[in-house]
């Protein structure tokens, strides 16, 4: 976790872009089944995408994220697989089930789980408003079997089957909440087990 990697002005610029992009009619944007609010926006970093944003194009390629990723992965030769902006709508925003990011990425043709995610918090993340939870050390279990869940939410997700999840929870420490402030960035391995719950506050919450 790197506190305050982005300034309040930069966070405001990112949130402004996501407000703009929400009005675009595209399959790059997934909406909640209940209420139709945005749940996930893809490819904001990509100049060829209908959701393209100059702000996120710069953020994704900037030295603050790039240098940290190079250090953590031990190489200077990196690429951006994708960007995903998640909105947790107040009260009726749906969950993200327990999963490994690599569960989906290996189906994109990624040969090895030598990847990480950089999560940029755009709003305060608390246990009350549906922050992420990690199972500490679970990245060491390796690539787990996954199954498609297209029923729980509007967002189709490759999730860890319940029996495998229970075994991992018995093997590793209790899940920990990933809380923080706007501008904080969390770097994590693509095989760590993570999930998030409902947002019980009165306010929507963004992270990228």
Protein backbone atom coordinates (compact mmCIF):
# COMPACT_ATOMS: atom_id res chain seq x y z
CA UNK A 1 0.00 0.00 0.00
CA UNK A 2 1.42 3.39 -1.03
CA UNK A 3 -0.40 6.25 0.74
CA UNK A 4 -1.26 9.43 -1.17
CA UNK A 5 0.47 8.49 -4.41
CA UNK A 6 -1.95 10.80 -6.23
CA UNK A 7 -2.99 14.31 -5.19
CA UNK A 8 -6.53 15.49 -4.49
CA UNK A 9 -6.49 17.47 -7.74
CA UNK A 10 -5.51 14.38 -9.73
CA UNK A 11 -8.20 12.29 -8.03
CA UNK A 12 -10.82 14.94 -8.89
CA UNK A 13 -9.71 14.82 -12.53
CA UNK A 14 -10.07 11.03 -12.62
CA UNK A 15 -13.52 11.12 -11.00
CA UNK A 16 -14.62 13.80 -13.44
CA UNK A 17 -13.60 11.59 -16.35
CA UNK A 18 -15.55 8.63 -14.97
CA UNK A 19 -18.63 10.81 -14.59
CA UNK A 20 -18.28 11.79 -18.25
CA UNK A 21 -17.69 8.25 -19.49
CA UNK A 22 -20.77 6.89 -17.70
CA UNK A 23 -23.01 8.61 -20.25
CA UNK A 24 -21.45 6.74 -23.21
CA UNK A 25 -23.48 3.91 -24.76
CA UNK A 26 -20.94 1.11 -25.17
CA UNK A 27 -20.39 -2.53 -24.26
CA UNK A 28 -17.20 -1.37 -22.54
CA UNK A 29 -19.45 -0.33 -19.65
CA UNK A 30 -21.30 -2.85 -17.43
CA UNK A 31 -24.34 -1.65 -15.49
CA UNK A 32 -26.00 -3.00 -12.36
CA UNK A 33 -29.09 -5.14 -12.86
CA UNK A 34 -30.83 -3.09 -10.18
CA UNK A 35 -31.09 0.59 -11.05
CA UNK A 36 -28.83 0.53 -14.10
CA UNK A 37 -25.97 2.47 -12.50
CA UNK A 38 -22.45 1.87 -13.77
CA UNK A 39 -20.63 -1.04 -12.14
CA UNK A 40 -17.50 -1.43 -14.28
CA UNK A 41 -15.89 0.62 -17.06
CA UNK A 42 -13.17 -0.87 -19.25
CA UNK A 43 -10.24 0.45 -21.28
CA UNK A 44 -10.17 4.08 -20.16
CA UNK A 45 -6.40 4.05 -20.82
CA UNK A 46 -6.80 3.01 -24.48
CA UNK A 47 -6.95 5.81 -27.06
CA UNK A 48 -8.85 3.49 -29.44
CA UNK A 49 -11.61 2.70 -26.94
CA UNK A 50 -15.02 4.41 -26.86
CA UNK A 51 -14.31 5.02 -23.16
CA UNK A 52 -10.90 6.60 -23.87
CA UNK A 53 -9.69 9.19 -21.39
CA UNK A 54 -6.54 11.33 -21.76
CA UNK A 55 -6.37 11.52 -17.96
CA UNK A 56 -6.28 7.75 -17.48
CA UNK A 57 -3.99 7.34 -20.48
CA UNK A 58 -1.46 9.44 -18.59
CA UNK A 59 -2.09 7.85 -15.18
CA UNK A 60 -1.58 4.31 -16.49
CA UNK A 61 1.75 5.21 -18.11
CA UNK A 62 3.05 7.61 -15.48
CA UNK A 63 6.25 6.95 -13.52
CA UNK A 64 4.55 6.57 -10.15
CA UNK A 65 2.73 3.39 -11.16
CA UNK A 66 5.30 2.23 -13.70
CA UNK A 67 8.36 2.37 -11.42
CA UNK A 68 6.59 0.59 -8.57
CA UNK A 69 5.38 -2.16 -10.92
CA UNK A 70 8.86 -2.56 -12.42
CA UNK A 71 10.37 -2.94 -8.96
CA UNK A 72 7.76 -5.42 -7.76
CA UNK A 73 7.87 -7.56 -10.91
CA UNK A 74 11.65 -7.32 -11.26
CA UNK A 75 11.67 -6.18 -14.89
CA UNK A 76 11.54 -2.97 -16.91
CA UNK A 77 9.72 -4.64 -19.83
CA UNK A 78 6.05 -4.18 -18.93
CA UNK A 79 2.74 -3.76 -20.73
CA UNK A 80 -0.78 -2.81 -19.65
CA UNK A 81 -3.13 -5.78 -19.99
CA UNK A 82 -6.27 -3.73 -19.27
CA UNK A 83 -7.86 -1.09 -17.08
CA UNK A 84 -11.07 -1.52 -15.14
CA UNK A 85 -12.86 1.17 -13.15
CA UNK A 86 -15.27 -0.15 -10.51
CA UNK A 87 -18.14 1.78 -8.95
CA UNK A 88 -19.75 0.55 -5.75
CA UNK A 89 -23.19 2.21 -5.78
CA UNK A 90 -24.67 3.09 -2.41
CA UNK A 91 -27.02 0.49 -0.88
CA UNK A 92 -27.80 -1.50 -4.06
CA UNK A 93 -24.31 -1.83 -5.54
CA UNK A 94 -23.53 -5.53 -5.94
CA UNK A 95 -20.58 -7.50 -4.61
CA UNK A 96 -17.47 -8.94 -6.24
CA UNK A 97 -17.21 -12.62 -5.40
CA UNK A 98 -14.03 -14.38 -4.19
CA UNK A 99 -11.65 -14.75 -7.12
CA UNK A 100 -8.11 -14.53 -8.43
CA UNK A 101 -7.50 -12.02 -11.23
CA UNK A 102 -5.47 -14.62 -13.08
CA UNK A 103 -8.56 -16.83 -13.23
CA UNK A 104 -9.77 -14.57 -16.06
CA UNK A 105 -6.43 -13.46 -17.47
CA UNK A 106 -5.21 -16.97 -18.25
CA UNK A 107 -8.23 -17.27 -20.53
CA UNK A 108 -6.97 -14.20 -22.37
CA UNK A 109 -3.89 -16.21 -23.30
CA UNK A 110 -1.58 -15.07 -20.47
CA UNK A 111 0.89 -17.94 -20.04
CA UNK A 112 2.13 -17.26 -16.48
CA UNK A 113 0.79 -15.37 -13.45
CA UNK A 114 3.66 -12.87 -13.48
CA UNK A 115 1.30 -9.92 -13.22
CA UNK A 116 0.05 -7.42 -10.70
CA UNK A 117 -2.82 -5.02 -10.20
CA UNK A 118 -2.44 -1.39 -9.17
CA UNK A 119 -5.66 -0.29 -7.46
CA UNK A 120 -6.10 3.49 -7.20
CA UNK A 121 -8.60 4.59 -4.56
CA UNK A 122 -10.74 7.51 -5.73
CA UNK A 123 -12.93 7.60 -2.60
CA UNK A 124 -12.37 6.51 1.01
CA UNK A 125 -12.46 2.71 1.23
CA UNK A 126 -13.90 1.40 4.51
CA UNK A 127 -15.40 -1.83 5.78
CA UNK A 128 -18.77 -0.04 5.77
CA UNK A 129 -18.76 0.94 2.10
CA UNK A 130 -17.68 -2.34 0.54
CA UNK A 131 -13.88 -2.29 0.50
CA UNK A 132 -11.84 -5.19 -0.84
CA UNK A 133 -10.77 -8.06 1.39
CA UNK A 134 -7.59 -10.08 0.82
CA UNK A 135 -6.73 -13.51 2.20
CA UNK A 136 -3.11 -12.89 3.28
CA UNK A 137 -0.59 -15.21 1.65
CA UNK A 138 -3.17 -16.86 -0.61
CA UNK A 139 -1.19 -15.91 -3.72
CA UNK A 140 1.15 -18.75 -2.72
CA UNK A 141 -1.54 -21.36 -3.36
CA UNK A 142 -0.93 -20.82 -7.08
CA UNK A 143 -3.40 -20.86 -9.93
CA UNK A 144 -6.66 -22.31 -8.62
CA UNK A 145 -9.47 -23.79 -10.67
CA UNK A 146 -12.20 -21.26 -11.42
CA UNK A 147 -15.77 -21.35 -12.68
CA UNK A 148 -17.90 -18.76 -14.44
CA UNK A 149 -20.48 -17.02 -12.25
CA UNK A 150 -22.96 -15.14 -14.45
CA UNK A 151 -25.83 -15.25 -11.95
CA UNK A 152 -24.75 -13.38 -8.82
CA UNK A 153 -24.31 -9.94 -10.39
CA UNK A 154 -24.50 -8.20 -13.77
CA UNK A 155 -20.72 -8.62 -13.99
CA UNK A 156 -19.66 -12.07 -15.19
CA UNK A 157 -16.71 -13.27 -13.15
CA UNK A 158 -14.45 -16.33 -12.99
CA UNK A 159 -14.73 -17.23 -9.31
CA UNK A 160 -13.05 -19.75 -7.03
CA UNK A 161 -15.40 -22.70 -6.33
CA UNK A 162 -16.72 -22.79 -2.78
CA UNK A 163 -14.92 -26.01 -1.66
CA UNK A 164 -11.56 -24.63 -2.86
CA UNK A 165 -12.26 -21.29 -1.19
CA UNK A 166 -13.03 -22.98 2.13
CA UNK A 167 -9.79 -24.96 1.96
CA UNK A 168 -7.82 -21.76 1.31
CA UNK A 169 -9.54 -20.00 4.20
CA UNK A 170 -8.61 -22.91 6.48
CA UNK A 171 -4.99 -22.77 5.32
CA UNK A 172 -4.36 -19.01 5.46
CA UNK A 173 -5.10 -16.20 7.95
CA UNK A 174 -8.46 -14.47 8.24
CA UNK A 175 -9.36 -12.06 5.39
CA UNK A 176 -8.21 -8.49 6.00
CA UNK A 177 -10.01 -5.31 4.84
CA UNK A 178 -8.11 -3.12 2.38
CA UNK A 179 -9.01 0.34 3.62
CA UNK A 180 -7.56 3.68 2.60
CA UNK A 181 -8.03 7.25 1.44
CA UNK A 182 -8.40 8.87 -1.99
CA UNK A 183 -5.02 8.83 -3.71
CA UNK A 184 -3.80 5.66 -1.99
CA UNK A 185 -2.63 2.86 -4.30
CA UNK A 186 -2.62 -0.86 -3.52
CA UNK A 187 -0.36 -3.19 -5.53
CA UNK A 188 -1.25 -6.88 -5.36
CA UNK A 189 -0.40 -10.19 -7.03
CA UNK A 190 -2.80 -11.59 -9.62
CA UNK A 191 -3.27 -14.83 -7.65
CA UNK A 192 -4.21 -13.38 -4.27
CA UNK A 193 -7.77 -14.28 -3.30
CA UNK A 194 -9.94 -11.19 -2.92
CA UNK A 195 -13.57 -10.09 -2.82
CA UNK A 196 -15.75 -7.18 -1.73
CA UNK A 197 -19.14 -6.75 -0.11
CA UNK A 198 -22.05 -4.34 -0.37
CA UNK A 199 -21.73 -0.58 0.05
CA UNK A 200 -23.90 0.22 3.08
CA UNK A 201 -23.15 3.95 3.11
CA UNK A 202 -25.27 6.69 1.52
CA UNK A 203 -22.58 7.51 -1.04
CA UNK A 204 -21.21 5.84 -4.16
CA UNK A 205 -17.57 4.80 -4.21
CA UNK A 206 -15.04 4.55 -7.06
CA UNK A 207 -11.76 2.79 -7.49
CA UNK A 208 -9.67 2.09 -10.58
